[in-house]
């Protein structure tokens, strides 16, 4: 139990999640937790110890909970090693063992407790390019992120470079008005790179702290996607040489394995540095966070657990696992 105590006791003291946020997280993961543990209960029914049959059943539970095949096999292998080491593990211990091993996997990807964007003083403006297909909650995530930065005292400029749909531009305008930040936009069908260029120029002229640019709202073929994002980056760098400083990929957690496929497409097309997984409150597929974090080795920085403006939470791996197994 030393490993368990180390992860969930000493390190947890350093977390700064509010009670309100924790309650929101607990509620947001209710469907995932209920589905997972009902399956787990059936998997160990009538068994007193963890044997090959229990492990086979557990593998099925994890895969059907959208943890993903590769990550599931890693977890099963870790538990097999525990069984071999301890000689006997009762099924009543399986819950806490799973909790430890999942926390261990998340710890290998997400360093530290909370992984929110940190704005260095020597990067001004700090440019975040946001990618993801339409419908995943990309624009909403940008609006909520802008709200967080504004509340933290940063000046923010939004860029509406997802020009494929007029609705995407209009939606971002609504969020800009709601948060009280300026937005740079052009007409639907405009060159996304041109919008990005204008946005960063405006941010520089206003001495803004943070620029968030909405891009790539469609998953056309990988070559076109790569070319578009590469062009946007190149044009940004004419104004800020090392832009973008982060590329945030937004994924819809409720789509399960489809989120994995989108992650594959976008990570192949551009250098994604951070992930946000949305809509976890309306789904039983929250296990996708574990698999995506592990398989792509890209930090999950934010998760969406509700509709409210404050329901985009900094992803805290300890609190996530705690809520999942609570």
C-alpha atoms as a PDB file:
ATOM      1  CA  UNK A   1       0.000   0.000   0.000  1.00  0.00           C
ATOM      2  CA  UNK A   2       3.011   2.352   0.110  1.00  0.00           C
ATOM      3  CA  UNK A   3       2.592   3.278  -3.545  1.00  0.00           C
ATOM      4  CA  UNK A   4      -1.091   3.977  -2.994  1.00  0.00           C
ATOM      5  CA  UNK A   5      -0.343   6.194  -0.018  1.00  0.00           C
ATOM      6  CA  UNK A   6       2.360   8.056  -1.889  1.00  0.00           C
ATOM      7  CA  UNK A   7       0.065   8.942  -4.766  1.00  0.00           C
ATOM      8  CA  UNK A   8      -3.150   9.632  -2.922  1.00  0.00           C
ATOM      9  CA  UNK A   9      -1.924  11.009   0.362  1.00  0.00           C
ATOM     10  CA  UNK A  10       1.263  13.021   0.291  1.00  0.00           C
ATOM     11  CA  UNK A  11       0.900  14.421  -3.236  1.00  0.00           C
ATOM     12  CA  UNK A  12      -2.785  15.147  -2.832  1.00  0.00           C
ATOM     13  CA  UNK A  13      -2.007  17.752  -0.197  1.00  0.00           C
ATOM     14  CA  UNK A  14      -0.571  19.878  -2.987  1.00  0.00           C
ATOM     15  CA  UNK A  15      -3.802  19.985  -5.005  1.00  0.00           C
ATOM     16  CA  UNK A  16      -5.816  23.184  -5.020  1.00  0.00           C
ATOM     17  CA  UNK A  17      -9.137  22.044  -6.457  1.00  0.00           C
ATOM     18  CA  UNK A  18     -12.075  23.807  -4.835  1.00  0.00           C
ATOM     19  CA  UNK A  19     -14.889  21.917  -3.146  1.00  0.00           C
ATOM     20  CA  UNK A  20     -17.296  23.203  -5.808  1.00  0.00           C
ATOM     21  CA  UNK A  21     -15.026  21.959  -8.603  1.00  0.00           C
ATOM     22  CA  UNK A  22     -14.617  18.578  -6.901  1.00  0.00           C
ATOM     23  CA  UNK A  23     -18.381  18.173  -6.596  1.00  0.00           C
ATOM     24  CA  UNK A  24     -18.734  19.088 -10.274  1.00  0.00           C
ATOM     25  CA  UNK A  25     -16.095  16.503 -11.185  1.00  0.00           C
ATOM     26  CA  UNK A  26     -17.755  13.814  -9.058  1.00  0.00           C
ATOM     27  CA  UNK A  27     -21.092  14.534 -10.715  1.00  0.00           C
ATOM     28  CA  UNK A  28     -19.559  14.697 -14.195  1.00  0.00           C
ATOM     29  CA  UNK A  29     -18.087  11.211 -13.862  1.00  0.00           C
ATOM     30  CA  UNK A  30     -21.200   9.606 -12.354  1.00  0.00           C
ATOM     31  CA  UNK A  31     -22.331   7.865 -15.552  1.00  0.00           C
ATOM     32  CA  UNK A  32     -18.851   6.557 -16.324  1.00  0.00           C
ATOM     33  CA  UNK A  33     -18.350   5.318 -12.785  1.00  0.00           C
ATOM     34  CA  UNK A  34     -21.760   3.650 -12.572  1.00  0.00           C
ATOM     35  CA  UNK A  35     -21.297   1.839 -15.879  1.00  0.00           C
ATOM     36  CA  UNK A  36     -17.740   0.753 -15.099  1.00  0.00           C
ATOM     37  CA  UNK A  37     -18.419  -0.629 -11.649  1.00  0.00           C
ATOM     38  CA  UNK A  38     -21.585  -2.462 -12.664  1.00  0.00           C
ATOM     39  CA  UNK A  39     -19.472  -4.243 -15.293  1.00  0.00           C
ATOM     40  CA  UNK A  40     -16.657  -4.833 -12.806  1.00  0.00           C
ATOM     41  CA  UNK A  41     -19.049  -6.362 -10.279  1.00  0.00           C
ATOM     42  CA  UNK A  42     -20.265  -8.846 -12.889  1.00  0.00           C
ATOM     43  CA  UNK A  43     -16.673  -9.604 -13.920  1.00  0.00           C
ATOM     44  CA  UNK A  44     -15.711 -10.829 -10.438  1.00  0.00           C
ATOM     45  CA  UNK A  45     -19.034 -12.376  -9.435  1.00  0.00           C
ATOM     46  CA  UNK A  46     -18.498 -15.672  -7.635  1.00  0.00           C
ATOM     47  CA  UNK A  47     -14.715 -15.260  -7.582  1.00  0.00           C
ATOM     48  CA  UNK A  48     -12.603 -14.885  -4.446  1.00  0.00           C
ATOM     49  CA  UNK A  49      -9.222 -14.338  -6.092  1.00  0.00           C
ATOM     50  CA  UNK A  50      -7.816 -12.673  -9.181  1.00  0.00           C
ATOM     51  CA  UNK A  51      -7.163 -15.467 -11.675  1.00  0.00           C
ATOM     52  CA  UNK A  52      -6.941 -15.746 -15.463  1.00  0.00           C
ATOM     53  CA  UNK A  53     -10.708 -15.714 -15.874  1.00  0.00           C
ATOM     54  CA  UNK A  54     -11.061 -12.569 -13.766  1.00  0.00           C
ATOM     55  CA  UNK A  55      -8.273 -10.894 -15.771  1.00  0.00           C
ATOM     56  CA  UNK A  56      -9.984 -11.848 -19.052  1.00  0.00           C
ATOM     57  CA  UNK A  57     -13.244 -10.392 -17.768  1.00  0.00           C
ATOM     58  CA  UNK A  58     -11.467  -7.265 -16.532  1.00  0.00           C
ATOM     59  CA  UNK A  59      -9.873  -6.806 -19.954  1.00  0.00           C
ATOM     60  CA  UNK A  60     -13.340  -6.869 -21.520  1.00  0.00           C
ATOM     61  CA  UNK A  61     -14.623  -4.363 -18.950  1.00  0.00           C
ATOM     62  CA  UNK A  62     -11.800  -1.907 -19.643  1.00  0.00           C
ATOM     63  CA  UNK A  63     -12.087  -2.160 -23.431  1.00  0.00           C
ATOM     64  CA  UNK A  64     -15.874  -1.762 -23.321  1.00  0.00           C
ATOM     65  CA  UNK A  65     -15.362   1.291 -21.076  1.00  0.00           C
ATOM     66  CA  UNK A  66     -13.364   2.974 -23.876  1.00  0.00           C
ATOM     67  CA  UNK A  67     -10.017   2.806 -22.099  1.00  0.00           C
ATOM     68  CA  UNK A  68      -8.611   1.485 -25.381  1.00  0.00           C
ATOM     69  CA  UNK A  69      -6.965  -1.833 -26.251  1.00  0.00           C
ATOM     70  CA  UNK A  70      -3.325  -0.801 -25.842  1.00  0.00           C
ATOM     71  CA  UNK A  71      -3.871   0.891 -22.485  1.00  0.00           C
ATOM     72  CA  UNK A  72      -6.046  -1.986 -21.296  1.00  0.00           C
ATOM     73  CA  UNK A  73      -3.269  -4.463 -22.070  1.00  0.00           C
ATOM     74  CA  UNK A  74      -0.831  -2.316 -20.089  1.00  0.00           C
ATOM     75  CA  UNK A  75      -3.142  -2.286 -17.076  1.00  0.00           C
ATOM     76  CA  UNK A  76      -3.747  -6.052 -17.286  1.00  0.00           C
ATOM     77  CA  UNK A  77       0.000  -6.673 -17.515  1.00  0.00           C
ATOM     78  CA  UNK A  78       0.616  -4.567 -14.416  1.00  0.00           C
ATOM     79  CA  UNK A  79      -2.016  -6.494 -12.485  1.00  0.00           C
ATOM     80  CA  UNK A  80      -0.591  -9.806 -13.703  1.00  0.00           C
ATOM     81  CA  UNK A  81       2.762  -8.720 -12.308  1.00  0.00           C
ATOM     82  CA  UNK A  82       1.115  -7.893  -8.984  1.00  0.00           C
ATOM     83  CA  UNK A  83      -0.546 -11.312  -8.908  1.00  0.00           C
ATOM     84  CA  UNK A  84       2.787 -13.009  -9.644  1.00  0.00           C
ATOM     85  CA  UNK A  85       4.551 -10.956  -6.980  1.00  0.00           C
ATOM     86  CA  UNK A  86       1.948 -11.332  -4.243  1.00  0.00           C
ATOM     87  CA  UNK A  87       1.009 -14.953  -5.145  1.00  0.00           C
ATOM     88  CA  UNK A  88      -2.563 -14.329  -4.010  1.00  0.00           C
ATOM     89  CA  UNK A  89      -4.775 -11.340  -4.632  1.00  0.00           C
ATOM     90  CA  UNK A  90      -8.400 -11.353  -3.557  1.00  0.00           C
ATOM     91  CA  UNK A  91     -11.032  -9.862  -5.809  1.00  0.00           C
ATOM     92  CA  UNK A  92     -11.893  -7.523  -2.943  1.00  0.00           C
ATOM     93  CA  UNK A  93      -8.498  -5.885  -3.522  1.00  0.00           C
ATOM     94  CA  UNK A  94      -9.032  -5.401  -7.252  1.00  0.00           C
ATOM     95  CA  UNK A  95     -10.664  -1.986  -6.865  1.00  0.00           C
ATOM     96  CA  UNK A  96      -7.711  -0.434  -5.020  1.00  0.00           C
ATOM     97  CA  UNK A  97      -5.171  -2.142  -7.327  1.00  0.00           C
ATOM     98  CA  UNK A  98      -6.912  -0.780 -10.414  1.00  0.00           C
ATOM     99  CA  UNK A  99      -6.954   2.653  -8.812  1.00  0.00           C
ATOM    100  CA  UNK A 100      -3.208   2.504  -8.200  1.00  0.00           C
ATOM    101  CA  UNK A 101      -2.321   1.269 -11.678  1.00  0.00           C
ATOM    102  CA  UNK A 102      -4.506   3.797 -13.499  1.00  0.00           C
ATOM    103  CA  UNK A 103      -3.039   6.604 -11.384  1.00  0.00           C
ATOM    104  CA  UNK A 104       0.416   5.270 -12.233  1.00  0.00           C
ATOM    105  CA  UNK A 105      -0.297   5.411 -15.971  1.00  0.00           C
ATOM    106  CA  UNK A 106      -1.620   8.971 -15.729  1.00  0.00           C
ATOM    107  CA  UNK A 107       1.412   9.982 -13.672  1.00  0.00           C
ATOM    108  CA  UNK A 108       3.715   8.856 -16.470  1.00  0.00           C
ATOM    109  CA  UNK A 109       2.069  11.254 -18.924  1.00  0.00           C
ATOM    110  CA  UNK A 110       0.885  14.222 -16.878  1.00  0.00           C
ATOM    111  CA  UNK A 111       3.671  15.643 -14.754  1.00  0.00           C
ATOM    112  CA  UNK A 112       2.673  17.479 -11.611  1.00  0.00           C
ATOM    113  CA  UNK A 113      -0.806  17.579 -10.123  1.00  0.00           C
ATOM    114  CA  UNK A 114      -2.545  20.221 -12.234  1.00  0.00           C
ATOM    115  CA  UNK A 115      -1.538  20.886 -15.806  1.00  0.00           C
ATOM    116  CA  UNK A 116      -3.111  24.201 -16.779  1.00  0.00           C
ATOM    117  CA  UNK A 117      -1.349  26.494 -19.221  1.00  0.00           C
ATOM    118  CA  UNK A 118       1.310  28.576 -17.546  1.00  0.00           C
ATOM    119  CA  UNK A 119       1.984  31.912 -19.223  1.00  0.00           C
ATOM    120  CA  UNK A 120       5.701  32.793 -19.083  1.00  0.00           C
ATOM    121  CA  UNK A 121       6.557  36.450 -18.677  1.00  0.00           C
ATOM    122  CA  UNK A 122       8.988  36.359 -21.587  1.00  0.00           C
ATOM    123  CA  UNK A 123       6.339  35.149 -24.064  1.00  0.00           C
ATOM    124  CA  UNK A 124       4.028  38.001 -24.946  1.00  0.00           C
ATOM    125  CA  UNK A 125       1.655  37.429 -26.473  1.00  0.00           C
ATOM    126  CA  UNK A 126       1.428  33.744 -25.594  1.00  0.00           C
ATOM    127  CA  UNK A 127      -0.203  32.075 -28.592  1.00  0.00           C
ATOM    128  CA  UNK A 128      -2.429  29.016 -28.257  1.00  0.00           C
ATOM    129  CA  UNK A 129      -3.710  27.419 -31.463  1.00  0.00           C
ATOM    130  CA  UNK A 130      -6.809  25.280 -30.904  1.00  0.00           C
ATOM    131  CA  UNK A 131      -7.693  22.433 -33.264  1.00  0.00           C
ATOM    132  CA  UNK A 132     -10.491  19.876 -33.410  1.00  0.00           C
ATOM    133  CA  UNK A 133     -13.472  18.940 -35.539  1.00  0.00           C
ATOM    134  CA  UNK A 134     -16.783  20.743 -35.435  1.00  0.00           C
ATOM    135  CA  UNK A 135     -19.133  19.536 -32.732  1.00  0.00           C
ATOM    136  CA  UNK A 136     -16.545  18.507 -30.127  1.00  0.00           C
ATOM    137  CA  UNK A 137     -17.003  21.659 -28.048  1.00  0.00           C
ATOM    138  CA  UNK A 138     -13.956  23.428 -29.463  1.00  0.00           C
ATOM    139  CA  UNK A 139     -15.383  26.946 -29.561  1.00  0.00           C
ATOM    140  CA  UNK A 140     -17.010  26.537 -26.152  1.00  0.00           C
ATOM    141  CA  UNK A 141     -13.676  25.354 -24.741  1.00  0.00           C
ATOM    142  CA  UNK A 142     -11.969  28.440 -26.176  1.00  0.00           C
ATOM    143  CA  UNK A 143     -14.583  30.701 -24.587  1.00  0.00           C
ATOM    144  CA  UNK A 144     -14.267  29.030 -21.194  1.00  0.00           C
ATOM    145  CA  UNK A 145     -10.472  29.112 -21.431  1.00  0.00           C
ATOM    146  CA  UNK A 146     -10.586  32.829 -22.264  1.00  0.00           C
ATOM    147  CA  UNK A 147     -12.767  33.315 -19.202  1.00  0.00           C
ATOM    148  CA  UNK A 148     -10.209  31.544 -16.999  1.00  0.00           C
ATOM    149  CA  UNK A 149      -7.348  33.648 -18.311  1.00  0.00           C
ATOM    150  CA  UNK A 150      -9.353  36.856 -17.916  1.00  0.00           C
ATOM    151  CA  UNK A 151     -10.265  35.991 -14.322  1.00  0.00           C
ATOM    152  CA  UNK A 152      -6.572  35.346 -13.678  1.00  0.00           C
ATOM    153  CA  UNK A 153      -5.807  38.904 -14.786  1.00  0.00           C
ATOM    154  CA  UNK A 154      -4.537  38.267 -18.323  1.00  0.00           C
ATOM    155  CA  UNK A 155      -5.639  40.259 -21.361  1.00  0.00           C
ATOM    156  CA  UNK A 156      -6.894  37.937 -24.108  1.00  0.00           C
ATOM    157  CA  UNK A 157      -7.549  38.233 -27.841  1.00  0.00           C
ATOM    158  CA  UNK A 158      -9.536  35.603 -29.773  1.00  0.00           C
ATOM    159  CA  UNK A 159      -9.016  34.783 -33.452  1.00  0.00           C
ATOM    160  CA  UNK A 160     -11.834  33.203 -35.496  1.00  0.00           C
ATOM    161  CA  UNK A 161      -9.686  31.257 -37.970  1.00  0.00           C
ATOM    162  CA  UNK A 162     -12.130  28.349 -38.262  1.00  0.00           C
ATOM    163  CA  UNK A 163     -13.643  29.961 -41.342  1.00  0.00           C
ATOM    164  CA  UNK A 164     -15.327  26.902 -42.860  1.00  0.00           C
ATOM    165  CA  UNK A 165     -18.646  27.579 -41.086  1.00  0.00           C
ATOM    166  CA  UNK A 166     -20.208  30.970 -40.441  1.00  0.00           C
ATOM    167  CA  UNK A 167     -21.734  29.445 -37.296  1.00  0.00           C
ATOM    168  CA  UNK A 168     -18.260  28.834 -35.868  1.00  0.00           C
ATOM    169  CA  UNK A 169     -17.384  32.515 -36.271  1.00  0.00           C
ATOM    170  CA  UNK A 170     -20.724  33.640 -34.820  1.00  0.00           C
ATOM    171  CA  UNK A 171     -20.392  31.280 -31.850  1.00  0.00           C
ATOM    172  CA  UNK A 172     -16.913  32.568 -31.045  1.00  0.00           C
ATOM    173  CA  UNK A 173     -18.253  36.139 -31.234  1.00  0.00           C
ATOM    174  CA  UNK A 174     -20.913  35.231 -28.654  1.00  0.00           C
ATOM    175  CA  UNK A 175     -18.235  33.882 -26.322  1.00  0.00           C
ATOM    176  CA  UNK A 176     -16.034  36.953 -26.869  1.00  0.00           C
ATOM    177  CA  UNK A 177     -18.978  39.185 -25.910  1.00  0.00           C
ATOM    178  CA  UNK A 178     -19.827  37.013 -22.917  1.00  0.00           C
ATOM    179  CA  UNK A 179     -16.277  37.012 -21.546  1.00  0.00           C
ATOM    180  CA  UNK A 180     -15.589  40.603 -22.564  1.00  0.00           C
ATOM    181  CA  UNK A 181     -12.570  40.082 -24.805  1.00  0.00           C
ATOM    182  CA  UNK A 182     -11.803  41.344 -28.331  1.00  0.00           C
ATOM    183  CA  UNK A 183     -12.165  39.060 -31.333  1.00  0.00           C
ATOM    184  CA  UNK A 184     -10.545  39.291 -34.765  1.00  0.00           C
ATOM    185  CA  UNK A 185     -12.585  37.763 -37.596  1.00  0.00           C
ATOM    186  CA  UNK A 186     -13.204  37.866 -41.320  1.00  0.00           C
ATOM    187  CA  UNK A 187     -15.933  36.540 -43.570  1.00  0.00           C
ATOM    188  CA  UNK A 188     -16.792  32.859 -43.863  1.00  0.00           C
ATOM    189  CA  UNK A 189     -14.474  31.180 -46.360  1.00  0.00           C
ATOM    190  CA  UNK A 190     -11.585  33.561 -45.667  1.00  0.00           C
ATOM    191  CA  UNK A 191      -8.042  32.243 -45.483  1.00  0.00           C
ATOM    192  CA  UNK A 192      -7.526  30.933 -41.909  1.00  0.00           C
ATOM    193  CA  UNK A 193      -3.868  31.978 -42.014  1.00  0.00           C
ATOM    194  CA  UNK A 194      -4.875  35.563 -42.824  1.00  0.00           C
ATOM    195  CA  UNK A 195      -7.163  35.640 -39.785  1.00  0.00           C
ATOM    196  CA  UNK A 196      -4.392  34.239 -37.581  1.00  0.00           C
ATOM    197  CA  UNK A 197      -1.971  36.882 -38.879  1.00  0.00           C
ATOM    198  CA  UNK A 198      -4.409  39.729 -38.206  1.00  0.00           C
ATOM    199  CA  UNK A 199      -5.183  38.370 -34.743  1.00  0.00           C
ATOM    200  CA  UNK A 200      -1.570  38.242 -33.620  1.00  0.00           C
ATOM    201  CA  UNK A 201      -0.827  41.655 -35.137  1.00  0.00           C
ATOM    202  CA  UNK A 202      -3.764  43.093 -33.173  1.00  0.00           C
ATOM    203  CA  UNK A 203      -2.607  41.370 -29.975  1.00  0.00           C
ATOM    204  CA  UNK A 204       0.908  42.787 -30.379  1.00  0.00           C
ATOM    205  CA  UNK A 205      -0.439  46.295 -31.012  1.00  0.00           C
ATOM    206  CA  UNK A 206      -2.585  46.055 -27.857  1.00  0.00           C
ATOM    207  CA  UNK A 207       0.194  44.472 -25.764  1.00  0.00           C
ATOM    208  CA  UNK A 208      -2.132  41.531 -25.007  1.00  0.00           C
ATOM    209  CA  UNK A 209      -0.966  38.641 -22.856  1.00  0.00           C
ATOM    210  CA  UNK A 210      -2.693  35.694 -24.537  1.00  0.00           C
ATOM    211  CA  UNK A 211      -3.943  34.907 -28.035  1.00  0.00           C
ATOM    212  CA  UNK A 212      -6.284  31.955 -28.613  1.00  0.00           C
ATOM    213  CA  UNK A 213      -6.848  31.052 -32.250  1.00  0.00           C
ATOM    214  CA  UNK A 214      -9.680  28.763 -33.364  1.00  0.00           C
ATOM    215  CA  UNK A 215      -8.710  26.638 -36.392  1.00  0.00           C
ATOM    216  CA  UNK A 216      -9.376  23.444 -38.367  1.00  0.00           C
ATOM    217  CA  UNK A 217     -13.034  22.698 -37.826  1.00  0.00           C
ATOM    218  CA  UNK A 218     -13.175  19.865 -40.312  1.00  0.00           C
ATOM    219  CA  UNK A 219     -11.249  16.641 -40.743  1.00  0.00           C
ATOM    220  CA  UNK A 220     -10.620  16.762 -44.464  1.00  0.00           C
ATOM    221  CA  UNK A 221      -7.881  14.456 -45.682  1.00  0.00           C
ATOM    222  CA  UNK A 222      -4.682  14.414 -43.666  1.00  0.00           C
ATOM    223  CA  UNK A 223      -2.549  16.120 -46.337  1.00  0.00           C
ATOM    224  CA  UNK A 224      -4.900  19.101 -46.661  1.00  0.00           C
ATOM    225  CA  UNK A 225      -5.218  19.367 -42.890  1.00  0.00           C
ATOM    226  CA  UNK A 226      -1.449  19.316 -42.497  1.00  0.00           C
ATOM    227  CA  UNK A 227      -0.976  21.922 -45.218  1.00  0.00           C
ATOM    228  CA  UNK A 228      -3.590  24.252 -43.710  1.00  0.00           C
ATOM    229  CA  UNK A 229      -2.195  24.050 -40.173  1.00  0.00           C
ATOM    230  CA  UNK A 230       1.391  24.383 -41.395  1.00  0.00           C
ATOM    231  CA  UNK A 231       0.442  27.516 -43.339  1.00  0.00           C
ATOM    232  CA  UNK A 232      -1.324  29.006 -40.304  1.00  0.00           C
ATOM    233  CA  UNK A 233       1.771  28.389 -38.168  1.00  0.00           C
ATOM    234  CA  UNK A 234       4.121  29.845 -40.775  1.00  0.00           C
ATOM    235  CA  UNK A 235       2.076  33.018 -41.114  1.00  0.00           C
ATOM    236  CA  UNK A 236       1.817  33.416 -37.327  1.00  0.00           C
ATOM    237  CA  UNK A 237       5.599  33.277 -37.102  1.00  0.00           C
ATOM    238  CA  UNK A 238       5.917  36.346 -39.311  1.00  0.00           C
ATOM    239  CA  UNK A 239       4.621  38.297 -36.306  1.00  0.00           C
ATOM    240  CA  UNK A 240       5.714  36.155 -33.319  1.00  0.00           C
ATOM    241  CA  UNK A 241       8.721  34.047 -34.255  1.00  0.00           C
ATOM    242  CA  UNK A 242       8.029  31.062 -31.984  1.00  0.00           C
ATOM    243  CA  UNK A 243       4.230  30.958 -32.319  1.00  0.00           C
ATOM    244  CA  UNK A 244       2.197  28.980 -31.563  1.00  0.00           C
ATOM    245  CA  UNK A 245       3.517  28.235 -28.093  1.00  0.00           C
ATOM    246  CA  UNK A 246       0.908  25.521 -27.572  1.00  0.00           C
ATOM    247  CA  UNK A 247      -1.401  23.532 -29.836  1.00  0.00           C
ATOM    248  CA  UNK A 248      -4.500  22.368 -27.960  1.00  0.00           C
ATOM    249  CA  UNK A 249      -6.533  19.519 -29.463  1.00  0.00           C
ATOM    250  CA  UNK A 250     -10.140  19.372 -28.263  1.00  0.00           C
ATOM    251  CA  UNK A 251     -11.801  15.932 -28.254  1.00  0.00           C
ATOM    252  CA  UNK A 252     -15.372  14.932 -27.446  1.00  0.00           C
ATOM    253  CA  UNK A 253     -15.185  12.330 -24.678  1.00  0.00           C
ATOM    254  CA  UNK A 254     -18.714  11.099 -25.425  1.00  0.00           C
ATOM    255  CA  UNK A 255     -17.594   9.710 -28.805  1.00  0.00           C
ATOM    256  CA  UNK A 256     -15.329   7.104 -27.205  1.00  0.00           C
ATOM    257  CA  UNK A 257     -13.161   5.391 -29.796  1.00  0.00           C
ATOM    258  CA  UNK A 258     -13.897   8.067 -32.389  1.00  0.00           C
ATOM    259  CA  UNK A 259     -11.968  10.477 -30.163  1.00  0.00           C
ATOM    260  CA  UNK A 260      -8.939   8.185 -30.496  1.00  0.00           C
ATOM    261  CA  UNK A 261      -9.232   8.340 -34.291  1.00  0.00           C
ATOM    262  CA  UNK A 262      -9.438  12.144 -34.273  1.00  0.00           C
ATOM    263  CA  UNK A 263      -6.393  12.287 -32.017  1.00  0.00           C
ATOM    264  CA  UNK A 264      -4.488  10.105 -34.488  1.00  0.00           C
ATOM    265  CA  UNK A 265      -5.441  12.357 -37.409  1.00  0.00           C
ATOM    266  CA  UNK A 266      -4.533  15.623 -35.730  1.00  0.00           C
ATOM    267  CA  UNK A 267      -1.317  14.420 -34.090  1.00  0.00           C
ATOM    268  CA  UNK A 268      -0.226  13.175 -37.509  1.00  0.00           C
ATOM    269  CA  UNK A 269      -1.046  16.541 -39.086  1.00  0.00           C
ATOM    270  CA  UNK A 270       0.522  18.880 -36.533  1.00  0.00           C
ATOM    271  CA  UNK A 271       2.498  18.914 -33.303  1.00  0.00           C
ATOM    272  CA  UNK A 272      -0.207  18.742 -30.646  1.00  0.00           C
ATOM    273  CA  UNK A 273       1.148  19.748 -27.218  1.00  0.00           C
ATOM    274  CA  UNK A 274      -1.984  19.522 -25.066  1.00  0.00           C
ATOM    275  CA  UNK A 275      -5.435  17.931 -24.965  1.00  0.00           C
ATOM    276  CA  UNK A 276      -8.855  18.956 -23.712  1.00  0.00           C
ATOM    277  CA  UNK A 277     -11.518  16.261 -23.384  1.00  0.00           C
ATOM    278  CA  UNK A 278     -15.066  17.628 -23.297  1.00  0.00           C
ATOM    279  CA  UNK A 279     -18.622  16.417 -22.556  1.00  0.00           C
ATOM    280  CA  UNK A 280     -17.632  13.915 -19.884  1.00  0.00           C
ATOM    281  CA  UNK A 281     -20.730  14.753 -17.859  1.00  0.00           C
ATOM    282  CA  UNK A 282     -23.141  13.325 -20.440  1.00  0.00           C
ATOM    283  CA  UNK A 283     -21.463  10.016 -21.127  1.00  0.00           C
ATOM    284  CA  UNK A 284     -20.388   6.683 -19.681  1.00  0.00           C
ATOM    285  CA  UNK A 285     -17.243   6.835 -21.828  1.00  0.00           C
ATOM    286  CA  UNK A 286     -15.030   8.795 -19.425  1.00  0.00           C
ATOM    287  CA  UNK A 287     -12.466   5.989 -19.549  1.00  0.00           C
ATOM    288  CA  UNK A 288     -11.365   7.507 -22.844  1.00  0.00           C
ATOM    289  CA  UNK A 289      -9.380  10.112 -20.860  1.00  0.00           C
ATOM    290  CA  UNK A 290      -7.172   7.348 -19.447  1.00  0.00           C
ATOM    291  CA  UNK A 291      -6.519   5.736 -22.820  1.00  0.00           C
ATOM    292  CA  UNK A 292      -5.894   8.942 -24.755  1.00  0.00           C
ATOM    293  CA  UNK A 293      -3.545  10.277 -22.080  1.00  0.00           C
ATOM    294  CA  UNK A 294      -1.572   7.035 -22.091  1.00  0.00           C
ATOM    295  CA  UNK A 295      -1.472   6.231 -25.793  1.00  0.00           C
ATOM    296  CA  UNK A 296      -0.615   9.646 -27.169  1.00  0.00           C
ATOM    297  CA  UNK A 297       1.690  10.698 -24.323  1.00  0.00           C
ATOM    298  CA  UNK A 298       0.318  14.220 -24.579  1.00  0.00           C
ATOM    299  CA  UNK A 299      -0.830  15.946 -21.382  1.00  0.00           C
ATOM    300  CA  UNK A 300      -4.561  16.261 -20.849  1.00  0.00           C
ATOM    301  CA  UNK A 301      -4.750  19.833 -19.591  1.00  0.00           C
ATOM    302  CA  UNK A 302      -8.508  20.371 -19.374  1.00  0.00           C
ATOM    303  CA  UNK A 303     -11.697  18.336 -19.079  1.00  0.00           C
ATOM    304  CA  UNK A 304     -15.271  19.481 -19.617  1.00  0.00           C
ATOM    305  CA  UNK A 305     -17.698  18.266 -16.956  1.00  0.00           C
ATOM    306  CA  UNK A 306     -20.716  20.513 -17.505  1.00  0.00           C
ATOM    307  CA  UNK A 307     -22.354  23.300 -19.473  1.00  0.00           C
ATOM    308  CA  UNK A 308     -21.484  26.186 -17.136  1.00  0.00           C
ATOM    309  CA  UNK A 309     -18.795  28.736 -17.909  1.00  0.00           C
ATOM    310  CA  UNK A 310     -16.726  27.401 -15.006  1.00  0.00           C
ATOM    311  CA  UNK A 311     -17.167  23.720 -15.924  1.00  0.00           C
ATOM    312  CA  UNK A 312     -13.952  23.510 -17.938  1.00  0.00           C
ATOM    313  CA  UNK A 313     -11.637  22.139 -15.278  1.00  0.00           C
ATOM    314  CA  UNK A 314      -7.894  21.900 -15.134  1.00  0.00           C
ATOM    315  CA  UNK A 315      -7.229  18.171 -15.370  1.00  0.00           C
ATOM    316  CA  UNK A 316      -5.918  16.946 -12.051  1.00  0.00           C
ATOM    317  CA  UNK A 317      -5.000  13.287 -12.380  1.00  0.00           C
ATOM    318  CA  UNK A 318      -5.297  12.531  -8.676  1.00  0.00           C
ATOM    319  CA  UNK A 319      -8.709  14.139  -8.316  1.00  0.00           C
ATOM    320  CA  UNK A 320      -9.885  12.446 -11.536  1.00  0.00           C
ATOM    321  CA  UNK A 321      -8.925   8.977 -10.291  1.00  0.00           C
ATOM    322  CA  UNK A 322     -10.307   9.801  -6.860  1.00  0.00           C
ATOM    323  CA  UNK A 323     -13.693  10.752  -8.362  1.00  0.00           C
ATOM    324  CA  UNK A 324     -13.644   7.755 -10.700  1.00  0.00           C
ATOM    325  CA  UNK A 325     -13.181   5.301  -7.820  1.00  0.00           C
ATOM    326  CA  UNK A 326     -15.069   7.219  -5.134  1.00  0.00           C
END
